[in-house]
């Protein structure tokens, strides 16, 4: 890992919000493509999923999702449940940032996709008693759509529509279906 990247990782824990945000954006851009330094930071990011600062938790979750493409050892399969737990974070914005990034795991390989879809289905069903369950469900349906758009597997669409059918409120069932409106 080069010195600049190391500095960005160090800045994820700074109290200087501008430096932290600059580091976040730089690292998200860097991890848009596979990198060879993923395991240098992996364990630290997993630890940061339970950091006292919710902003650090959100950043760690998003970076781990981005790093799934740089994970030939498939560590994401072991750490997925810890990541999925962040979608239940006490700070809804943190939970949502994680939830909206999870789909990136599902485009890496079949094992990752199966684990993601099963986890998202479970999350869709168990969020019903949460305050913002309709937003969580919408994000899950959108995540499934994002995976579908990248891998073009009709089984994903079928599973998404099976989830949508379980929604008892017609207003939200229609809203979730709209995510898939342009798919034949």
N, C-alpha and C. Protein backbone atom coordinates (compact mmCIF):
# COMPACT_ATOMS: atom_id res chain seq x y z
N UNK A 1 0.86 -1.17 0.00
CA UNK A 1 0.00 0.00 0.00
C UNK A 1 0.91 1.23 0.00
N UNK A 2 0.56 2.19 -0.82
CA UNK A 2 1.39 3.40 -0.87
C UNK A 2 1.11 4.30 0.34
N UNK A 3 2.00 5.24 0.54
CA UNK A 3 1.92 6.13 1.71
C UNK A 3 0.65 6.98 1.70
N UNK A 4 0.23 7.40 0.53
CA UNK A 4 -0.97 8.22 0.40
C UNK A 4 -2.22 7.44 0.85
N UNK A 5 -2.32 6.20 0.42
CA UNK A 5 -3.45 5.36 0.81
C UNK A 5 -3.43 5.10 2.31
N UNK A 6 -2.25 4.84 2.86
CA UNK A 6 -2.11 4.62 4.31
C UNK A 6 -2.58 5.86 5.08
N UNK A 7 -2.22 7.03 4.58
CA UNK A 7 -2.64 8.29 5.23
C UNK A 7 -4.17 8.41 5.21
N UNK A 8 -4.77 8.04 4.07
CA UNK A 8 -6.23 8.08 4.00
C UNK A 8 -6.85 7.15 5.04
N UNK A 9 -6.31 5.95 5.20
CA UNK A 9 -6.85 5.04 6.21
C UNK A 9 -6.68 5.61 7.62
N UNK A 10 -5.55 6.20 7.87
CA UNK A 10 -5.32 6.82 9.18
C UNK A 10 -6.33 7.94 9.43
N UNK A 11 -6.67 8.67 8.38
CA UNK A 11 -7.60 9.80 8.50
C UNK A 11 -9.05 9.38 8.69
N UNK A 12 -9.35 8.11 8.52
CA UNK A 12 -10.71 7.65 8.78
C UNK A 12 -11.08 7.80 10.25
N UNK A 13 -10.07 7.88 11.12
CA UNK A 13 -10.30 7.98 12.56
C UNK A 13 -10.02 9.36 13.12
N UNK A 14 -9.78 10.33 12.26
CA UNK A 14 -9.48 11.67 12.73
C UNK A 14 -10.76 12.38 13.18
N UNK A 15 -10.61 13.34 14.04
CA UNK A 15 -11.75 14.17 14.46
C UNK A 15 -12.01 15.30 13.47
N UNK A 16 -11.08 15.52 12.55
CA UNK A 16 -11.22 16.51 11.50
C UNK A 16 -12.14 15.95 10.41
N UNK A 17 -13.39 16.41 10.43
CA UNK A 17 -14.40 15.86 9.53
C UNK A 17 -14.04 16.04 8.05
N UNK A 18 -13.42 17.16 7.70
CA UNK A 18 -13.03 17.37 6.30
C UNK A 18 -11.99 16.34 5.87
N UNK A 19 -11.00 16.12 6.72
CA UNK A 19 -9.96 15.13 6.41
C UNK A 19 -10.56 13.73 6.35
N UNK A 20 -11.50 13.44 7.26
CA UNK A 20 -12.15 12.14 7.25
C UNK A 20 -12.96 11.94 5.98
N UNK A 21 -13.71 12.95 5.59
CA UNK A 21 -14.52 12.84 4.37
C UNK A 21 -13.63 12.74 3.13
N UNK A 22 -12.55 13.51 3.07
CA UNK A 22 -11.62 13.41 1.95
C UNK A 22 -11.05 12.00 1.86
N UNK A 23 -10.70 11.44 3.01
CA UNK A 23 -10.16 10.08 3.05
C UNK A 23 -11.20 9.07 2.56
N UNK A 24 -12.42 9.22 3.03
CA UNK A 24 -13.50 8.33 2.61
C UNK A 24 -13.66 8.35 1.09
N UNK A 25 -13.78 9.52 0.52
CA UNK A 25 -13.99 9.62 -0.93
C UNK A 25 -12.80 9.06 -1.71
N UNK A 26 -11.60 9.34 -1.25
CA UNK A 26 -10.40 8.83 -1.93
C UNK A 26 -10.37 7.30 -1.88
N UNK A 27 -10.71 6.73 -0.72
CA UNK A 27 -10.66 5.28 -0.58
C UNK A 27 -11.80 4.59 -1.33
N UNK A 28 -12.96 5.20 -1.36
CA UNK A 28 -14.05 4.62 -2.14
C UNK A 28 -13.70 4.62 -3.62
N UNK A 29 -13.06 5.68 -4.09
CA UNK A 29 -12.63 5.73 -5.49
C UNK A 29 -11.55 4.68 -5.75
N UNK A 30 -10.60 4.59 -4.85
CA UNK A 30 -9.52 3.61 -5.01
C UNK A 30 -10.05 2.18 -5.05
N UNK A 31 -11.07 1.90 -4.26
CA UNK A 31 -11.59 0.54 -4.18
C UNK A 31 -12.70 0.25 -5.18
N UNK A 32 -12.95 1.19 -6.08
CA UNK A 32 -13.88 0.90 -7.18
C UNK A 32 -13.32 -0.19 -8.09
N UNK A 33 -12.01 -0.32 -8.09
CA UNK A 33 -11.31 -1.36 -8.85
C UNK A 33 -10.63 -2.29 -7.85
N UNK A 34 -10.32 -3.51 -8.25
CA UNK A 34 -9.58 -4.40 -7.34
C UNK A 34 -8.24 -3.77 -6.94
N UNK A 35 -7.89 -4.00 -5.68
CA UNK A 35 -6.62 -3.49 -5.15
C UNK A 35 -5.86 -4.67 -4.53
N UNK A 36 -4.55 -4.53 -4.45
CA UNK A 36 -3.73 -5.62 -3.91
C UNK A 36 -3.44 -5.46 -2.42
N UNK A 37 -3.99 -4.44 -1.79
CA UNK A 37 -3.72 -4.19 -0.38
C UNK A 37 -4.94 -4.43 0.52
N UNK A 38 -5.94 -5.10 0.02
CA UNK A 38 -7.19 -5.29 0.78
C UNK A 38 -6.94 -5.92 2.15
N UNK A 39 -6.08 -6.93 2.21
CA UNK A 39 -5.88 -7.63 3.47
C UNK A 39 -5.02 -6.86 4.46
N UNK A 40 -4.37 -5.82 3.99
CA UNK A 40 -3.62 -4.96 4.91
C UNK A 40 -4.58 -4.16 5.80
N UNK A 41 -5.79 -3.94 5.33
CA UNK A 41 -6.76 -3.12 6.07
C UNK A 41 -8.01 -3.89 6.48
N UNK A 42 -8.16 -5.09 5.99
CA UNK A 42 -9.40 -5.85 6.17
C UNK A 42 -9.80 -6.00 7.63
N UNK A 43 -8.90 -6.54 8.44
CA UNK A 43 -9.24 -6.80 9.85
C UNK A 43 -9.58 -5.51 10.60
N UNK A 44 -8.87 -4.45 10.29
CA UNK A 44 -9.16 -3.16 10.91
C UNK A 44 -10.54 -2.66 10.54
N UNK A 45 -10.94 -2.86 9.28
CA UNK A 45 -12.29 -2.44 8.86
C UNK A 45 -13.36 -3.29 9.55
N UNK A 46 -13.11 -4.58 9.68
CA UNK A 46 -14.08 -5.44 10.38
C UNK A 46 -14.22 -4.97 11.83
N UNK A 47 -13.11 -4.65 12.46
CA UNK A 47 -13.15 -4.12 13.83
C UNK A 47 -13.93 -2.81 13.88
N UNK A 48 -13.74 -1.97 12.87
CA UNK A 48 -14.42 -0.67 12.82
C UNK A 48 -15.93 -0.79 12.65
N UNK A 49 -16.43 -1.94 12.27
CA UNK A 49 -17.87 -2.13 12.15
C UNK A 49 -18.57 -1.97 13.50
N UNK A 50 -17.81 -2.07 14.58
CA UNK A 50 -18.39 -1.87 15.92
C UNK A 50 -17.74 -0.67 16.63
N UNK A 51 -17.15 0.21 15.88
CA UNK A 51 -16.51 1.42 16.44
C UNK A 51 -17.55 2.28 17.16
N UNK A 52 -17.12 3.03 18.15
CA UNK A 52 -18.03 3.91 18.90
C UNK A 52 -18.62 5.01 18.02
N UNK A 53 -17.90 5.44 17.00
CA UNK A 53 -18.35 6.51 16.11
C UNK A 53 -19.13 5.91 14.94
N UNK A 54 -20.39 6.30 14.80
CA UNK A 54 -21.23 5.73 13.75
C UNK A 54 -20.71 6.06 12.35
N UNK A 55 -20.07 7.20 12.20
CA UNK A 55 -19.53 7.56 10.89
C UNK A 55 -18.43 6.59 10.48
N UNK A 56 -17.61 6.21 11.43
CA UNK A 56 -16.55 5.22 11.17
C UNK A 56 -17.17 3.87 10.82
N UNK A 57 -18.25 3.49 11.51
CA UNK A 57 -18.94 2.23 11.21
C UNK A 57 -19.48 2.25 9.78
N UNK A 58 -20.07 3.35 9.39
CA UNK A 58 -20.63 3.45 8.04
C UNK A 58 -19.54 3.36 6.98
N UNK A 59 -18.45 4.08 7.20
CA UNK A 59 -17.34 4.06 6.25
C UNK A 59 -16.76 2.65 6.14
N UNK A 60 -16.54 2.00 7.27
CA UNK A 60 -15.97 0.65 7.27
C UNK A 60 -16.86 -0.31 6.49
N UNK A 61 -18.16 -0.22 6.70
CA UNK A 61 -19.07 -1.14 6.00
C UNK A 61 -19.02 -0.91 4.49
N UNK A 62 -19.01 0.33 4.08
CA UNK A 62 -18.98 0.62 2.64
C UNK A 62 -17.66 0.20 2.01
N UNK A 63 -16.56 0.42 2.72
CA UNK A 63 -15.26 0.01 2.18
C UNK A 63 -15.16 -1.51 2.08
N UNK A 64 -15.64 -2.23 3.08
CA UNK A 64 -15.61 -3.69 3.00
C UNK A 64 -16.43 -4.19 1.82
N UNK A 65 -17.57 -3.60 1.58
CA UNK A 65 -18.37 -3.99 0.42
C UNK A 65 -17.59 -3.74 -0.87
N UNK A 66 -16.92 -2.61 -0.95
CA UNK A 66 -16.11 -2.32 -2.13
C UNK A 66 -14.93 -3.28 -2.26
N UNK A 67 -14.36 -3.68 -1.14
CA UNK A 67 -13.20 -4.57 -1.16
C UNK A 67 -13.55 -6.03 -1.46
N UNK A 68 -14.82 -6.37 -1.51
CA UNK A 68 -15.20 -7.75 -1.81
C UNK A 68 -14.62 -8.21 -3.14
N UNK A 69 -14.45 -7.31 -4.08
CA UNK A 69 -13.87 -7.66 -5.38
C UNK A 69 -12.37 -7.88 -5.29
N UNK A 70 -11.76 -7.53 -4.18
CA UNK A 70 -10.32 -7.69 -3.96
C UNK A 70 -10.05 -8.76 -2.91
N UNK A 71 -10.90 -9.76 -2.86
CA UNK A 71 -10.91 -10.75 -1.77
C UNK A 71 -10.78 -12.18 -2.30
N UNK A 72 -9.60 -12.55 -2.85
CA UNK A 72 -9.47 -13.91 -3.39
C UNK A 72 -9.57 -15.00 -2.32
N UNK A 73 -9.35 -14.66 -1.06
CA UNK A 73 -9.48 -15.63 0.03
C UNK A 73 -10.93 -15.79 0.50
N UNK A 74 -11.84 -14.99 -0.06
CA UNK A 74 -13.27 -15.04 0.27
C UNK A 74 -13.56 -14.79 1.74
N UNK A 75 -12.82 -13.88 2.34
CA UNK A 75 -13.06 -13.51 3.74
C UNK A 75 -14.45 -12.91 3.93
N UNK A 76 -14.98 -12.30 2.87
CA UNK A 76 -16.30 -11.67 2.98
C UNK A 76 -17.36 -12.70 3.37
N UNK A 77 -17.16 -13.96 2.99
CA UNK A 77 -18.13 -15.00 3.34
C UNK A 77 -18.18 -15.21 4.85
N UNK A 78 -17.05 -15.06 5.51
CA UNK A 78 -16.98 -15.20 6.96
C UNK A 78 -17.47 -13.94 7.67
N UNK A 79 -17.17 -12.79 7.09
CA UNK A 79 -17.48 -11.51 7.74
C UNK A 79 -18.84 -10.93 7.34
N UNK A 80 -19.56 -11.62 6.48
CA UNK A 80 -20.82 -11.09 5.98
C UNK A 80 -21.84 -10.83 7.09
N UNK A 81 -21.99 -11.76 8.02
CA UNK A 81 -22.99 -11.58 9.08
C UNK A 81 -22.69 -10.35 9.94
N UNK A 82 -21.40 -10.10 10.19
CA UNK A 82 -21.02 -8.91 10.94
C UNK A 82 -21.41 -7.66 10.16
N UNK A 83 -21.22 -7.71 8.87
CA UNK A 83 -21.60 -6.59 8.01
C UNK A 83 -23.13 -6.43 8.00
N UNK A 84 -23.83 -7.53 7.85
CA UNK A 84 -25.30 -7.47 7.82
C UNK A 84 -25.84 -6.91 9.13
N UNK A 85 -25.18 -7.18 10.24
CA UNK A 85 -25.61 -6.63 11.53
C UNK A 85 -25.54 -5.10 11.56
N UNK A 86 -24.67 -4.52 10.77
CA UNK A 86 -24.59 -3.05 10.71
C UNK A 86 -25.89 -2.49 10.13
N UNK A 87 -26.64 -3.28 9.37
CA UNK A 87 -27.92 -2.80 8.84
C UNK A 87 -28.98 -2.67 9.94
N UNK A 88 -28.60 -3.06 11.15
CA UNK A 88 -29.47 -2.90 12.32
C UNK A 88 -28.91 -1.85 13.28
N UNK A 89 -27.97 -1.06 12.80
CA UNK A 89 -27.28 -0.08 13.63
C UNK A 89 -28.28 0.85 14.34
N UNK A 90 -27.91 1.28 15.54
CA UNK A 90 -28.77 2.19 16.31
C UNK A 90 -28.98 3.52 15.58
N UNK A 91 -28.03 3.91 14.77
CA UNK A 91 -28.16 5.12 13.95
C UNK A 91 -28.64 4.70 12.57
N UNK A 92 -29.86 5.06 12.21
CA UNK A 92 -30.45 4.57 10.98
C UNK A 92 -29.64 4.97 9.75
N UNK A 93 -29.04 6.15 9.76
CA UNK A 93 -28.25 6.58 8.61
C UNK A 93 -27.06 5.64 8.39
N UNK A 94 -26.47 5.16 9.46
CA UNK A 94 -25.36 4.20 9.37
C UNK A 94 -25.86 2.88 8.80
N UNK A 95 -26.97 2.40 9.33
CA UNK A 95 -27.56 1.16 8.86
C UNK A 95 -27.87 1.24 7.37
N UNK A 96 -28.39 2.36 6.97
CA UNK A 96 -28.80 2.52 5.57
C UNK A 96 -27.60 2.61 4.63
N UNK A 97 -26.56 3.30 5.06
CA UNK A 97 -25.34 3.36 4.23
C UNK A 97 -24.80 1.96 3.98
N UNK A 98 -24.79 1.14 5.01
CA UNK A 98 -24.32 -0.23 4.86
C UNK A 98 -25.25 -1.01 3.93
N UNK A 99 -26.53 -0.93 4.19
CA UNK A 99 -27.51 -1.67 3.40
C UNK A 99 -27.41 -1.31 1.92
N UNK A 100 -27.22 -0.05 1.62
CA UNK A 100 -27.16 0.39 0.23
C UNK A 100 -25.86 -0.01 -0.47
N UNK A 101 -24.87 -0.45 0.27
CA UNK A 101 -23.60 -0.87 -0.33
C UNK A 101 -23.48 -2.39 -0.45
N UNK A 102 -24.29 -3.13 0.26
CA UNK A 102 -24.14 -4.59 0.31
C UNK A 102 -24.22 -5.27 -1.05
N UNK A 103 -24.98 -4.72 -1.96
CA UNK A 103 -25.16 -5.35 -3.27
C UNK A 103 -23.83 -5.60 -3.98
N UNK A 104 -22.83 -4.79 -3.67
CA UNK A 104 -21.53 -4.94 -4.34
C UNK A 104 -20.90 -6.29 -4.05
N UNK A 105 -21.26 -6.89 -2.94
CA UNK A 105 -20.77 -8.23 -2.61
C UNK A 105 -21.36 -9.26 -3.56
N UNK A 106 -22.61 -9.06 -3.94
CA UNK A 106 -23.32 -10.03 -4.75
C UNK A 106 -22.88 -10.13 -6.19
N UNK A 107 -22.05 -9.23 -6.64
CA UNK A 107 -21.60 -9.30 -8.04
C UNK A 107 -20.19 -9.89 -8.16
N UNK A 108 -19.63 -10.31 -7.04
CA UNK A 108 -18.25 -10.83 -7.02
C UNK A 108 -18.19 -12.29 -7.47
N UNK A 109 -19.15 -13.10 -7.02
CA UNK A 109 -19.14 -14.53 -7.36
C UNK A 109 -20.41 -15.19 -6.88
N UNK A 110 -20.57 -16.44 -7.26
CA UNK A 110 -21.80 -17.16 -6.92
C UNK A 110 -21.98 -17.36 -5.43
N UNK A 111 -20.93 -17.73 -4.73
CA UNK A 111 -21.05 -17.95 -3.28
C UNK A 111 -21.42 -16.65 -2.58
N UNK A 112 -20.80 -15.55 -2.99
CA UNK A 112 -21.11 -14.25 -2.40
C UNK A 112 -22.55 -13.84 -2.72
N UNK A 113 -22.96 -14.09 -3.96
CA UNK A 113 -24.32 -13.73 -4.38
C UNK A 113 -25.35 -14.51 -3.57
N UNK A 114 -25.13 -15.82 -3.43
CA UNK A 114 -26.08 -16.65 -2.66
C UNK A 114 -26.17 -16.19 -1.22
N UNK A 115 -25.02 -15.91 -0.62
CA UNK A 115 -25.00 -15.44 0.76
C UNK A 115 -25.71 -14.10 0.89
N UNK A 116 -25.44 -13.19 -0.02
CA UNK A 116 -26.08 -11.87 0.01
C UNK A 116 -27.59 -11.98 -0.13
N UNK A 117 -28.05 -12.71 -1.12
CA UNK A 117 -29.49 -12.78 -1.37
C UNK A 117 -30.21 -13.44 -0.19
N UNK A 118 -29.64 -14.49 0.33
CA UNK A 118 -30.23 -15.14 1.50
C UNK A 118 -30.27 -14.17 2.69
N UNK A 119 -29.19 -13.43 2.89
CA UNK A 119 -29.15 -12.45 3.98
C UNK A 119 -30.15 -11.33 3.79
N UNK A 120 -30.26 -10.85 2.56
CA UNK A 120 -31.22 -9.77 2.29
C UNK A 120 -32.66 -10.25 2.44
N UNK A 121 -32.93 -11.47 2.02
CA UNK A 121 -34.28 -12.02 2.21
C UNK A 121 -34.62 -12.11 3.69
N UNK A 122 -33.68 -12.61 4.46
CA UNK A 122 -33.90 -12.71 5.91
C UNK A 122 -34.12 -11.32 6.51
N UNK A 123 -33.31 -10.38 6.09
CA UNK A 123 -33.42 -9.00 6.61
C UNK A 123 -34.76 -8.37 6.21
N UNK A 124 -35.21 -8.61 4.99
CA UNK A 124 -36.49 -8.10 4.50
C UNK A 124 -37.62 -8.59 5.42
N UNK A 125 -37.56 -9.84 5.77
CA UNK A 125 -38.62 -10.43 6.60
C UNK A 125 -38.52 -10.02 8.06
N UNK A 126 -37.31 -9.85 8.58
CA UNK A 126 -37.20 -9.57 10.02
C UNK A 126 -37.25 -8.09 10.38
N UNK A 127 -37.31 -7.21 9.39
CA UNK A 127 -37.34 -5.77 9.70
C UNK A 127 -38.75 -5.24 9.94
N UNK A 128 -39.75 -6.05 9.81
CA UNK A 128 -41.14 -5.61 9.83
C UNK A 128 -41.52 -4.81 11.07
N UNK A 129 -40.89 -5.05 12.19
CA UNK A 129 -41.23 -4.33 13.42
C UNK A 129 -40.34 -3.11 13.67
N UNK A 130 -39.47 -2.80 12.73
CA UNK A 130 -38.58 -1.66 12.89
C UNK A 130 -39.26 -0.37 12.42
N UNK A 131 -38.82 0.73 12.99
CA UNK A 131 -39.43 2.03 12.72
C UNK A 131 -39.44 2.35 11.21
N UNK A 132 -38.34 2.13 10.53
CA UNK A 132 -38.22 2.51 9.12
C UNK A 132 -38.23 1.30 8.19
N UNK A 133 -39.06 0.32 8.51
CA UNK A 133 -39.02 -0.93 7.75
C UNK A 133 -39.31 -0.74 6.27
N UNK A 134 -40.13 0.23 5.90
CA UNK A 134 -40.43 0.39 4.47
C UNK A 134 -39.20 0.90 3.70
N UNK A 135 -38.40 1.73 4.32
CA UNK A 135 -37.16 2.18 3.67
C UNK A 135 -36.16 1.04 3.58
N UNK A 136 -36.08 0.24 4.63
CA UNK A 136 -35.18 -0.92 4.63
C UNK A 136 -35.59 -1.86 3.50
N UNK A 137 -36.87 -2.14 3.42
CA UNK A 137 -37.35 -3.04 2.38
C UNK A 137 -37.09 -2.47 0.99
N UNK A 138 -37.31 -1.19 0.82
CA UNK A 138 -37.04 -0.58 -0.48
C UNK A 138 -35.56 -0.71 -0.84
N UNK A 139 -34.69 -0.45 0.12
CA UNK A 139 -33.25 -0.58 -0.12
C UNK A 139 -32.87 -2.02 -0.48
N UNK A 140 -33.51 -2.97 0.14
CA UNK A 140 -33.24 -4.37 -0.16
C UNK A 140 -33.67 -4.71 -1.59
N UNK A 141 -34.85 -4.27 -1.95
CA UNK A 141 -35.33 -4.51 -3.32
C UNK A 141 -34.41 -3.82 -4.33
N UNK A 142 -33.96 -2.61 -4.02
CA UNK A 142 -33.04 -1.89 -4.90
C UNK A 142 -31.69 -2.62 -4.98
N UNK A 143 -31.23 -3.17 -3.87
CA UNK A 143 -29.98 -3.93 -3.87
C UNK A 143 -30.09 -5.15 -4.78
N UNK A 144 -31.21 -5.84 -4.69
CA UNK A 144 -31.42 -7.00 -5.57
C UNK A 144 -31.44 -6.57 -7.03
N UNK A 145 -32.04 -5.44 -7.29
CA UNK A 145 -32.06 -4.92 -8.67
C UNK A 145 -30.63 -4.59 -9.13
N UNK A 146 -29.83 -3.98 -8.26
CA UNK A 146 -28.45 -3.64 -8.62
C UNK A 146 -27.65 -4.90 -8.97
N UNK A 147 -27.85 -5.95 -8.18
CA UNK A 147 -27.15 -7.21 -8.48
C UNK A 147 -27.65 -7.75 -9.82
N UNK A 148 -28.95 -7.77 -10.02
CA UNK A 148 -29.53 -8.24 -11.27
C UNK A 148 -28.96 -7.47 -12.47
N UNK A 149 -28.88 -6.17 -12.35
CA UNK A 149 -28.36 -5.36 -13.46
C UNK A 149 -26.92 -5.70 -13.81
N UNK A 150 -26.18 -6.23 -12.86
CA UNK A 150 -24.78 -6.58 -13.10
C UNK A 150 -24.57 -8.02 -13.55
N UNK A 151 -25.44 -8.93 -13.13
CA UNK A 151 -25.22 -10.35 -13.46
C UNK A 151 -26.32 -10.94 -14.34
N UNK A 152 -27.44 -10.26 -14.50
CA UNK A 152 -28.54 -10.67 -15.39
C UNK A 152 -29.03 -12.10 -15.14
N UNK A 153 -29.26 -12.39 -13.86
CA UNK A 153 -29.76 -13.69 -13.46
C UNK A 153 -31.24 -13.55 -13.10
N UNK A 154 -32.11 -14.18 -13.89
CA UNK A 154 -33.55 -14.04 -13.67
C UNK A 154 -34.00 -14.60 -12.32
N UNK A 155 -33.22 -15.48 -11.73
CA UNK A 155 -33.57 -16.01 -10.41
C UNK A 155 -33.60 -14.90 -9.36
N UNK A 156 -32.76 -13.89 -9.55
CA UNK A 156 -32.74 -12.75 -8.61
C UNK A 156 -34.05 -11.99 -8.72
N UNK A 157 -34.48 -11.74 -9.93
CA UNK A 157 -35.76 -11.04 -10.15
C UNK A 157 -36.91 -11.84 -9.53
N UNK A 158 -36.90 -13.13 -9.73
CA UNK A 158 -37.95 -13.99 -9.18
C UNK A 158 -37.99 -13.89 -7.65
N UNK A 159 -36.82 -13.92 -7.04
CA UNK A 159 -36.75 -13.84 -5.58
C UNK A 159 -37.17 -12.46 -5.08
N UNK A 160 -36.82 -11.41 -5.83
CA UNK A 160 -37.24 -10.06 -5.45
C UNK A 160 -38.76 -9.95 -5.49
N UNK A 161 -39.37 -10.45 -6.55
CA UNK A 161 -40.83 -10.37 -6.66
C UNK A 161 -41.53 -11.23 -5.61
N UNK A 162 -40.91 -12.32 -5.21
CA UNK A 162 -41.47 -13.14 -4.13
C UNK A 162 -41.49 -12.33 -2.83
N UNK A 163 -40.44 -11.57 -2.59
CA UNK A 163 -40.42 -10.70 -1.40
C UNK A 163 -41.48 -9.61 -1.51
N UNK A 164 -41.56 -8.98 -2.66
CA UNK A 164 -42.53 -7.90 -2.86
C UNK A 164 -43.95 -8.39 -2.60
N UNK A 165 -44.23 -9.61 -3.04
CA UNK A 165 -45.58 -10.17 -2.85
C UNK A 165 -45.95 -10.32 -1.38
N UNK A 166 -44.96 -10.40 -0.50
CA UNK A 166 -45.26 -10.56 0.92
C UNK A 166 -45.66 -9.24 1.57
N UNK A 167 -45.43 -8.12 0.89
CA UNK A 167 -45.80 -6.81 1.44
C UNK A 167 -47.32 -6.69 1.44
N UNK A 168 -47.89 -6.45 2.61
CA UNK A 168 -49.34 -6.40 2.74
C UNK A 168 -49.93 -5.05 2.38
N UNK A 169 -49.15 -3.99 2.43
CA UNK A 169 -49.64 -2.65 2.12
C UNK A 169 -49.50 -2.41 0.61
N UNK A 170 -50.63 -2.25 -0.10
CA UNK A 170 -50.57 -2.08 -1.56
C UNK A 170 -49.72 -0.89 -2.01
N UNK A 171 -49.72 0.17 -1.22
CA UNK A 171 -48.92 1.35 -1.55
C UNK A 171 -47.44 1.00 -1.63
N UNK A 172 -46.95 0.27 -0.65
CA UNK A 172 -45.53 -0.08 -0.63
C UNK A 172 -45.22 -1.21 -1.61
N UNK A 173 -46.16 -2.13 -1.79
CA UNK A 173 -45.96 -3.18 -2.79
C UNK A 173 -45.76 -2.55 -4.16
N UNK A 174 -46.56 -1.52 -4.47
CA UNK A 174 -46.43 -0.82 -5.75
C UNK A 174 -45.09 -0.08 -5.82
N UNK A 175 -44.70 0.56 -4.72
CA UNK A 175 -43.43 1.30 -4.69
C UNK A 175 -42.25 0.36 -4.94
N UNK A 176 -42.26 -0.82 -4.30
CA UNK A 176 -41.17 -1.78 -4.48
C UNK A 176 -41.16 -2.32 -5.91
N UNK A 177 -42.34 -2.56 -6.46
CA UNK A 177 -42.43 -3.08 -7.82
C UNK A 177 -41.86 -2.07 -8.82
N UNK A 178 -42.01 -0.79 -8.54
CA UNK A 178 -41.51 0.27 -9.44
C UNK A 178 -39.99 0.16 -9.64
N UNK A 179 -39.28 -0.34 -8.67
CA UNK A 179 -37.83 -0.54 -8.80
C UNK A 179 -37.52 -1.45 -10.00
N UNK A 180 -38.45 -2.33 -10.33
CA UNK A 180 -38.24 -3.30 -11.40
C UNK A 180 -39.05 -2.99 -12.66
N UNK A 181 -39.61 -1.80 -12.73
CA UNK A 181 -40.56 -1.48 -13.81
C UNK A 181 -40.03 -1.68 -15.22
N UNK A 182 -38.77 -1.44 -15.46
CA UNK A 182 -38.25 -1.52 -16.83
C UNK A 182 -37.56 -2.85 -17.15
N UNK A 183 -37.81 -3.88 -16.32
CA UNK A 183 -37.25 -5.21 -16.55
C UNK A 183 -38.34 -6.09 -17.11
N UNK A 184 -38.05 -6.73 -18.18
CA UNK A 184 -39.05 -7.60 -18.83
C UNK A 184 -39.06 -8.97 -18.19
